[in-house]
Each structure stands twice: as structure tokens, then as C-alpha cells.
Amino acid sequence: MSGNDTLGKDLRALRTSRKMTLEELAGALGRSVGWVSQVERDISTPRMSDLQAIAKVFDVPVSLFFGNADAPEAERGRVVRASARRVMGENEGGLVETLISPDLTDSFEVIHSTFLPGASRMTPVARPTQEVVWMASGKLDIWLDDQKFTIAAGDSFRIREQSYCWANPYDSPSIAIWVISPPVY
């Protein structure tokens, strides 16, 4: 799983960030409230089919629930090594996302995104979040509510409950750091 005693905390963070009750989640999963509560408290371990159902309910990739559990005890929940970041998306469409935050239990998450050359997502995305994005390298075209901006290394932008699309028509990867509140993964 995503480390000792973190799957339950991550599940609870996902549920509460979406303002979902234990009863609502249990109903969506066809499970008892007690079972969901035990998973959130890391008393019960869900099967792979349960993780797939949970991922579907929250519209997140199943990979979110897996990570490197080999971190030294003193680092768990505190330090995230670059080589041990959890992959957040399915790595499709030329976008690779990893979690910089130790877990999903804060009121925000920090994501490292790599947009490969030629990649784009032109279907608008709209989330009930506030996001600040800093471009670490490369350039990226972004549309905020249909207004186009070209963002270069060192630039930043904000998204507040608005739609956005992106494209990297450039020859090199673009790397961005996102701070998202509340967590969406």
C-alpha cells in the first residue's frame, strides 16, 4: 500500500475533501459503514477489487493507493524522496504526475507534472479547487476560461474554480509544480 498506516488516512482525506459521509461512501461501494471505518483506521486492508471500486468512486487512478513503503520510519509522512514519489495519474496523453506531498491528509496537495513535447489536453477541466502553478522549466500553453497564455520557466498562474486546457507544442518537456486545495487525487 502507500506506506504503513497511510492508506486509511489517504482514503479519509479523499472522502472528507469531497464532503462525503462514511454512509455515502459505504453505499457507493456496496460495503458496510463499519468496513469503511476500519479501512480508514487501517484496521482492515481492502482487496484489489475494493481499491478499484474506491478509485472509481473518487475518479482517481488505482496507482494512488500504491507507493514506496520502504522509507525509514522517521521519514514516513514527513520526507518524500524523489525516487519514492507516488505516481498520481495513468501517464497517458503525455502527462506524468507524481505526488510531492507525503500523503493526502493536508488541506492541500503538491504535484510535480511533466508535460511531454507535443502533448495536450484540449478538453476543458474544471475542478472545485484553488490551484497555484509554478513552471520549473520549459514552456506551456494554457487556456484559462478560453483565454490563452504561454507560461515559461519561472512564471506562475492561478486557477480558481475555472476551466482550463493545456498544450505543450514545444520541443522540450515542461515541468510544473502545482499546489491544489483541497486535494483532488
Foldseek 3Di string as FASTA:
>chain_A
DLAPQALLLQLVLLCVLVPHDLVRVCVQQVHDSVVNVCVNRVNDDDDLVSLVSSCVVLVWDSQLSDWDHPDPPVPQQNAADPVTWGWTHPCPQQKTKTWRHNHQNDQKTKIKIKRAAFGWFPPKDFDQKKKKKAWQADWKWKAWQNRIDIDGHGDMDMHHRTIMIIGHNDHGIIIMMMIIGRDSD
